[in-house]
Amino acid sequence: MTAKEPGRSDARPAPPARQGSGWLAWAPVLVLAVALLAFGSLRPRPPTTDAERVNAIALLIKCPQCVSQSAGASDAEVSRQIRLDIAKRMSEGQSEEEIQDYFRERYGDEILLTPSASGVGGVVWALPVVALVCAMAGLVAAFRRWRRTAEDGPRATIADETIVSRALQTTPQDHP
């Protein structure tokens, strides 16, 4: 057995001390989440003039003739007629929901650019939230696993340290 080097012990080295409780690493994520929730909860100001209200409703209705355009953005004749019909119905006192229901009955559910929040359409609204929650849970699980791997990772045993110290004590002439 080789002599022990001065100042060297056979005990395992102590694991590194943890810096803080780990909450500081999550602070930027928390700030970002709060900022996104605050931004998402701010509603745009409601339309004030009749023309703005007509356009706001027309932006929710798909142009029957155009591809991927709303009746509010399209210059097609059918979109102009839809905007005039919306203005007429508004002047008669119909609400936005009543106007949308009229167009839904006339053209089918596909005419509305915003899916309903009930039934199968509710999946369209819930799926992104579920995906975000699953992604966050996956990140938390991955971070915990990485932390455990770093803390509980392989450490040199006393036998390993003995082999390394013997190898360092031999000179190149000792090996053929």
N, C-alpha and C. Protein backbone atom coordinates (compact mmCIF):
# COMPACT_ATOMS: atom_id res chain seq x y z
N MET A 1 0.84 -1.17 0.00
CA MET A 1 0.00 0.00 0.00
C MET A 1 0.88 1.23 0.00
N THR A 2 0.49 2.22 -0.69
CA THR A 2 1.29 3.44 -0.79
C THR A 2 1.03 4.33 0.40
N ALA A 3 1.98 5.17 0.66
CA ALA A 3 1.83 6.10 1.77
C ALA A 3 0.81 7.16 1.41
N LYS A 4 0.13 7.61 2.42
CA LYS A 4 -0.90 8.62 2.23
C LYS A 4 -0.24 9.97 2.02
N GLU A 5 -0.76 10.72 1.08
CA GLU A 5 -0.25 12.07 0.86
C GLU A 5 -0.69 12.94 2.02
N PRO A 6 0.17 13.90 2.41
CA PRO A 6 -0.24 14.77 3.51
C PRO A 6 -1.47 15.59 3.13
N GLY A 7 -2.37 15.77 4.09
CA GLY A 7 -3.57 16.57 3.87
C GLY A 7 -4.65 15.84 3.11
N ARG A 8 -4.44 14.56 2.80
CA ARG A 8 -5.40 13.79 2.02
C ARG A 8 -6.12 12.83 2.94
N SER A 9 -7.43 12.75 2.84
CA SER A 9 -8.16 11.80 3.68
C SER A 9 -8.81 10.78 2.78
N ASP A 10 -9.16 9.65 3.37
CA ASP A 10 -9.80 8.59 2.62
C ASP A 10 -11.32 8.77 2.54
N ALA A 11 -11.85 9.77 3.21
CA ALA A 11 -13.30 10.02 3.21
C ALA A 11 -13.71 10.61 1.86
N ARG A 12 -14.94 10.36 1.53
CA ARG A 12 -15.47 10.95 0.28
C ARG A 12 -15.56 12.45 0.43
N PRO A 13 -15.35 13.17 -0.68
CA PRO A 13 -15.49 14.62 -0.58
C PRO A 13 -16.95 14.98 -0.34
N ALA A 14 -17.16 16.05 0.39
CA ALA A 14 -18.51 16.51 0.68
C ALA A 14 -19.15 17.05 -0.59
N PRO A 15 -20.46 16.81 -0.76
CA PRO A 15 -21.11 17.36 -1.95
C PRO A 15 -21.09 18.89 -1.89
N PRO A 16 -21.08 19.52 -3.07
CA PRO A 16 -21.04 20.99 -3.07
C PRO A 16 -22.28 21.56 -2.41
N ALA A 17 -22.10 22.67 -1.71
CA ALA A 17 -23.22 23.32 -1.03
C ALA A 17 -24.17 23.90 -2.06
N ARG A 18 -25.45 23.81 -1.78
CA ARG A 18 -26.46 24.35 -2.70
C ARG A 18 -26.53 25.85 -2.53
N GLN A 19 -26.64 26.54 -3.61
CA GLN A 19 -26.75 27.99 -3.60
C GLN A 19 -28.21 28.38 -3.50
N GLY A 20 -28.65 28.87 -2.37
CA GLY A 20 -30.03 29.32 -2.22
C GLY A 20 -31.00 28.16 -2.26
N SER A 21 -32.25 28.46 -2.40
CA SER A 21 -33.26 27.41 -2.40
C SER A 21 -33.75 27.06 -3.79
N GLY A 22 -33.21 27.68 -4.79
CA GLY A 22 -33.61 27.37 -6.16
C GLY A 22 -34.73 28.25 -6.69
N TRP A 23 -35.40 29.00 -5.82
CA TRP A 23 -36.51 29.84 -6.29
C TRP A 23 -36.01 30.97 -7.16
N LEU A 24 -34.77 31.38 -6.94
CA LEU A 24 -34.23 32.49 -7.72
C LEU A 24 -34.11 32.13 -9.20
N ALA A 25 -33.85 30.86 -9.47
CA ALA A 25 -33.76 30.43 -10.87
C ALA A 25 -35.12 30.48 -11.55
N TRP A 26 -36.20 30.33 -10.78
CA TRP A 26 -37.54 30.35 -11.36
C TRP A 26 -38.12 31.75 -11.43
N ALA A 27 -37.47 32.72 -10.83
CA ALA A 27 -37.99 34.10 -10.82
C ALA A 27 -38.23 34.65 -12.22
N PRO A 28 -37.29 34.51 -13.18
CA PRO A 28 -37.58 35.04 -14.53
C PRO A 28 -38.79 34.37 -15.18
N VAL A 29 -38.97 33.08 -14.95
CA VAL A 29 -40.12 32.38 -15.53
C VAL A 29 -41.41 32.92 -14.92
N LEU A 30 -41.39 33.15 -13.60
CA LEU A 30 -42.56 33.69 -12.92
C LEU A 30 -42.88 35.10 -13.42
N VAL A 31 -41.86 35.93 -13.59
CA VAL A 31 -42.08 37.29 -14.08
C VAL A 31 -42.66 37.25 -15.49
N LEU A 32 -42.11 36.37 -16.34
CA LEU A 32 -42.62 36.26 -17.71
C LEU A 32 -44.06 35.77 -17.71
N ALA A 33 -44.39 34.80 -16.88
CA ALA A 33 -45.76 34.29 -16.83
C ALA A 33 -46.73 35.37 -16.38
N VAL A 34 -46.36 36.14 -15.36
CA VAL A 34 -47.23 37.22 -14.88
C VAL A 34 -47.39 38.29 -15.97
N ALA A 35 -46.30 38.62 -16.65
CA ALA A 35 -46.37 39.63 -17.71
C ALA A 35 -47.28 39.15 -18.85
N LEU A 36 -47.16 37.89 -19.24
CA LEU A 36 -48.01 37.37 -20.32
C LEU A 36 -49.47 37.31 -19.91
N LEU A 37 -49.73 36.92 -18.66
CA LEU A 37 -51.12 36.90 -18.19
C LEU A 37 -51.70 38.30 -18.14
N ALA A 38 -50.91 39.26 -17.69
CA ALA A 38 -51.39 40.65 -17.63
C ALA A 38 -51.66 41.17 -19.03
N PHE A 39 -50.75 40.89 -19.97
CA PHE A 39 -50.93 41.34 -21.34
C PHE A 39 -52.16 40.69 -21.97
N GLY A 40 -52.34 39.39 -21.70
CA GLY A 40 -53.48 38.68 -22.27
C GLY A 40 -54.81 39.11 -21.70
N SER A 41 -54.79 39.58 -20.45
CA SER A 41 -56.05 39.98 -19.83
C SER A 41 -56.49 41.38 -20.23
N LEU A 42 -55.58 42.16 -20.79
CA LEU A 42 -55.96 43.50 -21.23
C LEU A 42 -56.81 43.38 -22.48
N ARG A 43 -57.97 43.87 -22.42
CA ARG A 43 -58.88 43.80 -23.57
C ARG A 43 -58.72 45.06 -24.40
N PRO A 44 -58.81 44.91 -25.72
CA PRO A 44 -58.78 46.11 -26.54
C PRO A 44 -60.05 46.92 -26.26
N ARG A 45 -59.92 48.21 -26.45
CA ARG A 45 -61.08 49.05 -26.17
C ARG A 45 -62.22 48.68 -27.12
N PRO A 46 -63.43 48.72 -26.63
CA PRO A 46 -64.56 48.35 -27.48
C PRO A 46 -64.78 49.41 -28.57
N PRO A 47 -65.30 48.98 -29.71
CA PRO A 47 -65.58 49.95 -30.77
C PRO A 47 -66.60 50.98 -30.29
N THR A 48 -66.36 52.23 -30.67
CA THR A 48 -67.23 53.30 -30.19
C THR A 48 -68.24 53.75 -31.24
N THR A 49 -67.85 53.84 -32.48
CA THR A 49 -68.78 54.30 -33.53
C THR A 49 -69.49 53.10 -34.14
N ASP A 50 -70.59 53.40 -34.83
CA ASP A 50 -71.33 52.32 -35.49
C ASP A 50 -70.49 51.65 -36.57
N ALA A 51 -69.71 52.44 -37.30
CA ALA A 51 -68.86 51.87 -38.36
C ALA A 51 -67.81 50.92 -37.75
N GLU A 52 -67.25 51.30 -36.60
CA GLU A 52 -66.28 50.42 -35.93
C GLU A 52 -66.96 49.14 -35.44
N ARG A 53 -68.17 49.25 -34.93
CA ARG A 53 -68.90 48.07 -34.46
C ARG A 53 -69.23 47.14 -35.63
N VAL A 54 -69.65 47.72 -36.77
CA VAL A 54 -69.95 46.91 -37.96
C VAL A 54 -68.68 46.18 -38.40
N ASN A 55 -67.57 46.90 -38.45
CA ASN A 55 -66.30 46.29 -38.88
C ASN A 55 -65.85 45.21 -37.90
N ALA A 56 -66.03 45.46 -36.59
CA ALA A 56 -65.63 44.47 -35.59
C ALA A 56 -66.43 43.18 -35.76
N ILE A 57 -67.71 43.29 -36.04
CA ILE A 57 -68.54 42.09 -36.26
C ILE A 57 -68.17 41.44 -37.59
N ALA A 58 -67.93 42.25 -38.61
CA ALA A 58 -67.58 41.71 -39.94
C ALA A 58 -66.24 40.98 -39.90
N LEU A 59 -65.33 41.38 -38.99
CA LEU A 59 -64.05 40.69 -38.87
C LEU A 59 -64.19 39.30 -38.27
N LEU A 60 -65.32 39.03 -37.63
CA LEU A 60 -65.57 37.72 -37.04
C LEU A 60 -66.28 36.77 -37.99
N ILE A 61 -66.72 37.28 -39.15
CA ILE A 61 -67.47 36.49 -40.13
C ILE A 61 -66.59 36.26 -41.35
N LYS A 62 -66.53 35.02 -41.78
CA LYS A 62 -65.71 34.65 -42.92
C LYS A 62 -66.40 35.06 -44.22
N CYS A 63 -65.61 35.54 -45.16
CA CYS A 63 -66.16 35.85 -46.49
C CYS A 63 -66.50 34.53 -47.17
N PRO A 64 -67.76 34.35 -47.61
CA PRO A 64 -68.14 33.08 -48.23
C PRO A 64 -67.44 32.82 -49.56
N GLN A 65 -66.96 33.87 -50.21
CA GLN A 65 -66.36 33.74 -51.53
C GLN A 65 -64.84 33.65 -51.46
N CYS A 66 -64.23 34.30 -50.49
CA CYS A 66 -62.77 34.39 -50.39
C CYS A 66 -62.20 33.24 -49.57
N VAL A 67 -60.90 33.05 -49.73
CA VAL A 67 -60.20 32.03 -48.95
C VAL A 67 -59.44 32.74 -47.83
N SER A 68 -59.69 32.32 -46.61
CA SER A 68 -58.97 32.83 -45.42
C SER A 68 -59.06 34.34 -45.25
N GLN A 69 -60.21 34.92 -45.55
CA GLN A 69 -60.41 36.35 -45.34
C GLN A 69 -61.73 36.57 -44.65
N SER A 70 -61.76 37.61 -43.83
CA SER A 70 -63.02 37.94 -43.17
C SER A 70 -63.84 38.85 -44.06
N ALA A 71 -65.12 38.96 -43.73
CA ALA A 71 -66.00 39.86 -44.48
C ALA A 71 -65.60 41.31 -44.24
N GLY A 72 -64.94 41.58 -43.15
CA GLY A 72 -64.48 42.94 -42.86
C GLY A 72 -63.24 43.32 -43.65
N ALA A 73 -62.44 42.35 -44.05
CA ALA A 73 -61.20 42.64 -44.77
C ALA A 73 -61.33 42.43 -46.27
N SER A 74 -62.37 41.77 -46.71
CA SER A 74 -62.52 41.44 -48.12
C SER A 74 -63.20 42.58 -48.90
N ASP A 75 -62.82 42.70 -50.17
CA ASP A 75 -63.46 43.67 -51.05
C ASP A 75 -64.47 43.00 -51.98
N ALA A 76 -64.75 41.73 -51.79
CA ALA A 76 -65.70 41.01 -52.64
C ALA A 76 -67.11 41.58 -52.43
N GLU A 77 -67.93 41.47 -53.45
CA GLU A 77 -69.29 42.01 -53.39
C GLU A 77 -70.10 41.35 -52.27
N VAL A 78 -69.93 40.05 -52.08
CA VAL A 78 -70.68 39.36 -51.03
C VAL A 78 -70.27 39.89 -49.65
N SER A 79 -69.02 40.25 -49.46
CA SER A 79 -68.57 40.81 -48.18
C SER A 79 -69.16 42.20 -47.97
N ARG A 80 -69.25 42.97 -49.04
CA ARG A 80 -69.89 44.29 -48.92
C ARG A 80 -71.35 44.13 -48.49
N GLN A 81 -72.02 43.15 -49.10
CA GLN A 81 -73.42 42.89 -48.74
C GLN A 81 -73.55 42.44 -47.28
N ILE A 82 -72.60 41.65 -46.81
CA ILE A 82 -72.62 41.20 -45.41
C ILE A 82 -72.44 42.40 -44.48
N ARG A 83 -71.53 43.30 -44.82
CA ARG A 83 -71.32 44.48 -43.98
C ARG A 83 -72.57 45.37 -43.96
N LEU A 84 -73.21 45.53 -45.11
CA LEU A 84 -74.46 46.31 -45.16
C LEU A 84 -75.56 45.64 -44.33
N ASP A 85 -75.63 44.31 -44.42
CA ASP A 85 -76.63 43.57 -43.64
C ASP A 85 -76.35 43.71 -42.14
N ILE A 86 -75.09 43.67 -41.76
CA ILE A 86 -74.72 43.84 -40.34
C ILE A 86 -75.14 45.24 -39.87
N ALA A 87 -74.86 46.26 -40.69
CA ALA A 87 -75.23 47.64 -40.32
C ALA A 87 -76.74 47.77 -40.18
N LYS A 88 -77.51 47.15 -41.10
CA LYS A 88 -78.97 47.21 -41.04
C LYS A 88 -79.48 46.53 -39.76
N ARG A 89 -78.93 45.37 -39.44
CA ARG A 89 -79.35 44.63 -38.25
C ARG A 89 -78.98 45.38 -36.96
N MET A 90 -77.84 46.05 -36.99
CA MET A 90 -77.45 46.85 -35.81
C MET A 90 -78.40 48.01 -35.62
N SER A 91 -78.79 48.64 -36.74
CA SER A 91 -79.71 49.78 -36.62
C SER A 91 -81.09 49.33 -36.13
N GLU A 92 -81.41 48.05 -36.35
CA GLU A 92 -82.67 47.49 -35.87
C GLU A 92 -82.56 47.09 -34.39
N GLY A 93 -81.35 47.19 -33.83
CA GLY A 93 -81.17 46.91 -32.40
C GLY A 93 -80.71 45.51 -32.08
N GLN A 94 -80.32 44.74 -33.08
CA GLN A 94 -79.85 43.38 -32.80
C GLN A 94 -78.46 43.43 -32.16
N SER A 95 -78.19 42.49 -31.27
CA SER A 95 -76.88 42.41 -30.62
C SER A 95 -75.89 41.67 -31.51
N GLU A 96 -74.64 41.72 -31.12
CA GLU A 96 -73.59 41.02 -31.87
C GLU A 96 -73.87 39.53 -31.92
N GLU A 97 -74.32 38.95 -30.82
CA GLU A 97 -74.62 37.52 -30.78
C GLU A 97 -75.78 37.16 -31.71
N GLU A 98 -76.79 38.01 -31.73
CA GLU A 98 -77.93 37.76 -32.61
C GLU A 98 -77.52 37.81 -34.07
N ILE A 99 -76.66 38.76 -34.40
CA ILE A 99 -76.19 38.88 -35.79
C ILE A 99 -75.35 37.67 -36.16
N GLN A 100 -74.48 37.24 -35.25
CA GLN A 100 -73.66 36.05 -35.53
C GLN A 100 -74.54 34.81 -35.66
N ASP A 101 -75.56 34.71 -34.81
CA ASP A 101 -76.48 33.57 -34.90
C ASP A 101 -77.20 33.55 -36.24
N TYR A 102 -77.58 34.72 -36.75
CA TYR A 102 -78.25 34.80 -38.05
C TYR A 102 -77.34 34.25 -39.15
N PHE A 103 -76.09 34.69 -39.16
CA PHE A 103 -75.17 34.24 -40.21
C PHE A 103 -74.82 32.76 -40.03
N ARG A 104 -74.76 32.29 -38.79
CA ARG A 104 -74.51 30.87 -38.53
C ARG A 104 -75.65 30.03 -39.08
N GLU A 105 -76.90 30.48 -38.87
CA GLU A 105 -78.06 29.74 -39.38
C GLU A 105 -78.09 29.76 -40.90
N ARG A 106 -77.71 30.88 -41.49
CA ARG A 106 -77.78 31.03 -42.95
C ARG A 106 -76.67 30.28 -43.67
N TYR A 107 -75.43 30.33 -43.13
CA TYR A 107 -74.28 29.75 -43.83
C TYR A 107 -73.67 28.53 -43.13
N GLY A 108 -74.05 28.27 -41.89
CA GLY A 108 -73.46 27.16 -41.14
C GLY A 108 -72.39 27.66 -40.17
N ASP A 109 -71.94 26.77 -39.29
CA ASP A 109 -70.97 27.15 -38.26
C ASP A 109 -69.63 27.61 -38.85
N GLU A 110 -69.29 27.18 -40.04
CA GLU A 110 -68.00 27.52 -40.64
C GLU A 110 -67.88 28.99 -41.01
N ILE A 111 -69.01 29.70 -41.02
CA ILE A 111 -68.98 31.12 -41.42
C ILE A 111 -68.29 31.97 -40.35
N LEU A 112 -68.30 31.52 -39.11
CA LEU A 112 -67.69 32.30 -38.03
C LEU A 112 -66.20 31.95 -37.92
N LEU A 113 -65.39 32.98 -37.85
CA LEU A 113 -63.95 32.78 -37.74
C LEU A 113 -63.52 32.42 -36.32
N THR A 114 -64.37 32.71 -35.33
CA THR A 114 -64.07 32.37 -33.94
C THR A 114 -64.92 31.17 -33.58
N PRO A 115 -64.31 30.03 -33.26
CA PRO A 115 -65.11 28.84 -32.92
C PRO A 115 -65.85 29.04 -31.60
N SER A 116 -66.96 28.35 -31.47
CA SER A 116 -67.72 28.46 -30.22
C SER A 116 -66.94 27.80 -29.08
N ALA A 117 -67.24 28.22 -27.86
CA ALA A 117 -66.52 27.70 -26.71
C ALA A 117 -67.18 26.47 -26.12
N SER A 118 -68.21 25.95 -26.75
CA SER A 118 -68.88 24.76 -26.25
C SER A 118 -68.75 23.63 -27.26
N GLY A 119 -68.95 22.41 -26.78
CA GLY A 119 -68.89 21.25 -27.66
C GLY A 119 -67.47 21.02 -28.18
N VAL A 120 -67.40 20.60 -29.43
CA VAL A 120 -66.10 20.31 -30.04
C VAL A 120 -65.29 21.58 -30.19
N GLY A 121 -65.94 22.72 -30.39
CA GLY A 121 -65.22 23.99 -30.50
C GLY A 121 -64.49 24.34 -29.22
N GLY A 122 -64.97 23.83 -28.09
CA GLY A 122 -64.31 24.08 -26.82
C GLY A 122 -62.91 23.47 -26.78
N VAL A 123 -62.71 22.40 -27.52
CA VAL A 123 -61.39 21.77 -27.59
C VAL A 123 -60.38 22.74 -28.20
N VAL A 124 -60.83 23.52 -29.18
CA VAL A 124 -59.94 24.49 -29.82
C VAL A 124 -59.43 25.50 -28.79
N TRP A 125 -60.27 25.86 -27.84
CA TRP A 125 -59.87 26.82 -26.81
C TRP A 125 -59.06 26.15 -25.70
N ALA A 126 -59.40 24.92 -25.36
CA ALA A 126 -58.75 24.24 -24.23
C ALA A 126 -57.42 23.61 -24.61
N LEU A 127 -57.26 23.17 -25.84
CA LEU A 127 -56.05 22.45 -26.24
C LEU A 127 -54.76 23.24 -26.03
N PRO A 128 -54.69 24.52 -26.41
CA PRO A 128 -53.45 25.25 -26.14
C PRO A 128 -53.13 25.37 -24.64
N VAL A 129 -54.15 25.52 -23.83
CA VAL A 129 -53.92 25.61 -22.38
C VAL A 129 -53.40 24.28 -21.85
N VAL A 130 -54.00 23.19 -22.29
CA VAL A 130 -53.54 21.86 -21.86
C VAL A 130 -52.11 21.62 -22.34
N ALA A 131 -51.80 22.00 -23.57
CA ALA A 131 -50.44 21.83 -24.08
C ALA A 131 -49.44 22.66 -23.28
N LEU A 132 -49.81 23.87 -22.91
CA LEU A 132 -48.92 24.72 -22.11
C LEU A 132 -48.68 24.12 -20.73
N VAL A 133 -49.73 23.62 -20.09
CA VAL A 133 -49.58 23.01 -18.77
C VAL A 133 -48.70 21.76 -18.86
N CYS A 134 -48.91 20.94 -19.88
CA CYS A 134 -48.08 19.74 -20.05
C CYS A 134 -46.62 20.11 -20.31
N ALA A 135 -46.40 21.14 -21.11
CA ALA A 135 -45.02 21.57 -21.39
C ALA A 135 -44.34 22.08 -20.13
N MET A 136 -45.07 22.85 -19.33
CA MET A 136 -44.49 23.35 -18.07
C MET A 136 -44.19 22.19 -17.12
N ALA A 137 -45.10 21.22 -17.03
CA ALA A 137 -44.87 20.06 -16.17
C ALA A 137 -43.66 19.26 -16.66
N GLY A 138 -43.53 19.13 -17.97
CA GLY A 138 -42.36 18.44 -18.52
C GLY A 138 -41.07 19.16 -18.21
N LEU A 139 -41.09 20.49 -18.29
CA LEU A 139 -39.88 21.25 -17.95
C LEU A 139 -39.52 21.10 -16.48
N VAL A 140 -40.52 21.16 -15.61
CA VAL A 140 -40.25 20.99 -14.18
C VAL A 140 -39.66 19.61 -13.91
N ALA A 141 -40.23 18.58 -14.52
CA ALA A 141 -39.72 17.22 -14.33
C ALA A 141 -38.29 17.10 -14.86
N ALA A 142 -38.02 17.70 -16.01
CA ALA A 142 -36.67 17.63 -16.58
C ALA A 142 -35.67 18.36 -15.70
N PHE A 143 -36.04 19.54 -15.21
CA PHE A 143 -35.12 20.29 -14.35
C PHE A 143 -34.84 19.52 -13.06
N ARG A 144 -35.85 18.90 -12.48
CA ARG A 144 -35.63 18.12 -11.26
C ARG A 144 -34.73 16.92 -11.52
N ARG A 145 -34.95 16.25 -12.64
CA ARG A 145 -34.12 15.10 -12.99
C ARG A 145 -32.68 15.54 -13.21
N TRP A 146 -32.48 16.66 -13.90
CA TRP A 146 -31.12 17.16 -14.14
C TRP A 146 -30.44 17.52 -12.82
N ARG A 147 -31.20 18.11 -11.90
CA ARG A 147 -30.62 18.48 -10.60
C ARG A 147 -30.21 17.23 -9.84
N ARG A 148 -31.10 16.21 -9.83
CA ARG A 148 -30.77 14.96 -9.13
C ARG A 148 -29.54 14.30 -9.76
N THR A 149 -29.46 14.32 -11.09
CA THR A 149 -28.33 13.71 -11.77
C THR A 149 -27.04 14.42 -11.40
N ALA A 150 -27.08 15.74 -11.31
CA ALA A 150 -25.88 16.50 -10.96
C ALA A 150 -25.49 16.26 -9.51
N GLU A 151 -26.47 16.17 -8.60
CA GLU A 151 -26.18 15.97 -7.19
C GLU A 151 -25.80 14.53 -6.89
N ASP A 152 -26.47 13.59 -7.51
CA ASP A 152 -26.26 12.17 -7.22
C ASP A 152 -25.39 11.50 -8.27
N GLY A 153 -24.72 12.28 -9.06
CA GLY A 153 -23.92 11.74 -10.15
C GLY A 153 -22.77 10.89 -9.66
N PRO A 154 -22.02 10.31 -10.57
CA PRO A 154 -20.92 9.43 -10.18
C PRO A 154 -19.85 10.20 -9.42
N ARG A 155 -19.36 9.56 -8.37
CA ARG A 155 -18.29 10.14 -7.55
C ARG A 155 -17.15 9.13 -7.51
N ALA A 156 -15.98 9.64 -7.34
CA ALA A 156 -14.81 8.77 -7.25
C ALA A 156 -14.82 8.05 -5.91
N THR A 157 -14.62 6.74 -5.97
CA THR A 157 -14.53 5.97 -4.73
C THR A 157 -13.10 6.00 -4.22
N ILE A 158 -12.89 5.48 -3.03
CA ILE A 158 -11.55 5.42 -2.45
C ILE A 158 -10.66 4.54 -3.33
N ALA A 159 -11.22 3.46 -3.85
CA ALA A 159 -10.44 2.57 -4.73
C ALA A 159 -10.01 3.32 -5.99
N ASP A 160 -10.90 4.14 -6.55
CA ASP A 160 -10.56 4.92 -7.74
C ASP A 160 -9.44 5.90 -7.43
N GLU A 161 -9.56 6.56 -6.30
CA GLU A 161 -8.52 7.53 -5.93
C GLU A 161 -7.19 6.84 -5.71
N THR A 162 -7.21 5.62 -5.16
CA THR A 162 -5.98 4.85 -4.94
C THR A 162 -5.33 4.52 -6.28
N ILE A 163 -6.13 4.10 -7.23
CA ILE A 163 -5.59 3.76 -8.56
C ILE A 163 -4.96 4.98 -9.21
N VAL A 164 -5.63 6.12 -9.12
CA VAL A 164 -5.10 7.35 -9.73
C VAL A 164 -3.82 7.78 -9.04
N SER A 165 -3.78 7.71 -7.70
CA SER A 165 -2.56 8.12 -6.99
C SER A 165 -1.40 7.20 -7.32
N ARG A 166 -1.64 5.89 -7.46
CA ARG A 166 -0.58 4.96 -7.86
C ARG A 166 -0.08 5.30 -9.26
N ALA A 167 -1.03 5.60 -10.15
CA ALA A 167 -0.63 5.91 -11.53
C ALA A 167 0.20 7.19 -11.58
N LEU A 168 -0.12 8.15 -10.72
CA LEU A 168 0.64 9.40 -10.71
C LEU A 168 2.01 9.23 -10.08
N GLN A 169 2.17 8.23 -9.21
CA GLN A 169 3.45 8.02 -8.54
C GLN A 169 4.43 7.25 -9.40
N THR A 170 3.94 6.52 -10.38
CA THR A 170 4.85 5.76 -11.24
C THR A 170 5.48 6.69 -12.25
N THR A 171 6.65 6.35 -12.65
CA THR A 171 7.36 7.15 -13.65
C THR A 171 7.25 6.49 -15.00
N PRO A 172 7.48 7.20 -16.08
CA PRO A 172 7.37 6.58 -17.42
C PRO A 172 8.36 5.45 -17.62
N GLN A 173 9.50 5.40 -16.86
CA GLN A 173 10.45 4.31 -17.04
C GLN A 173 9.93 3.00 -16.47
N ASP A 174 8.93 3.10 -15.58
CA ASP A 174 8.37 1.87 -14.98
C ASP A 174 7.54 1.07 -15.98
N HIS A 175 7.10 1.71 -17.03
CA HIS A 175 6.27 1.04 -18.03
C HIS A 175 7.08 0.75 -19.28
N PRO A 176 6.94 -0.46 -19.85
CA PRO A 176 7.69 -0.77 -21.08
C PRO A 176 7.15 -0.06 -22.28
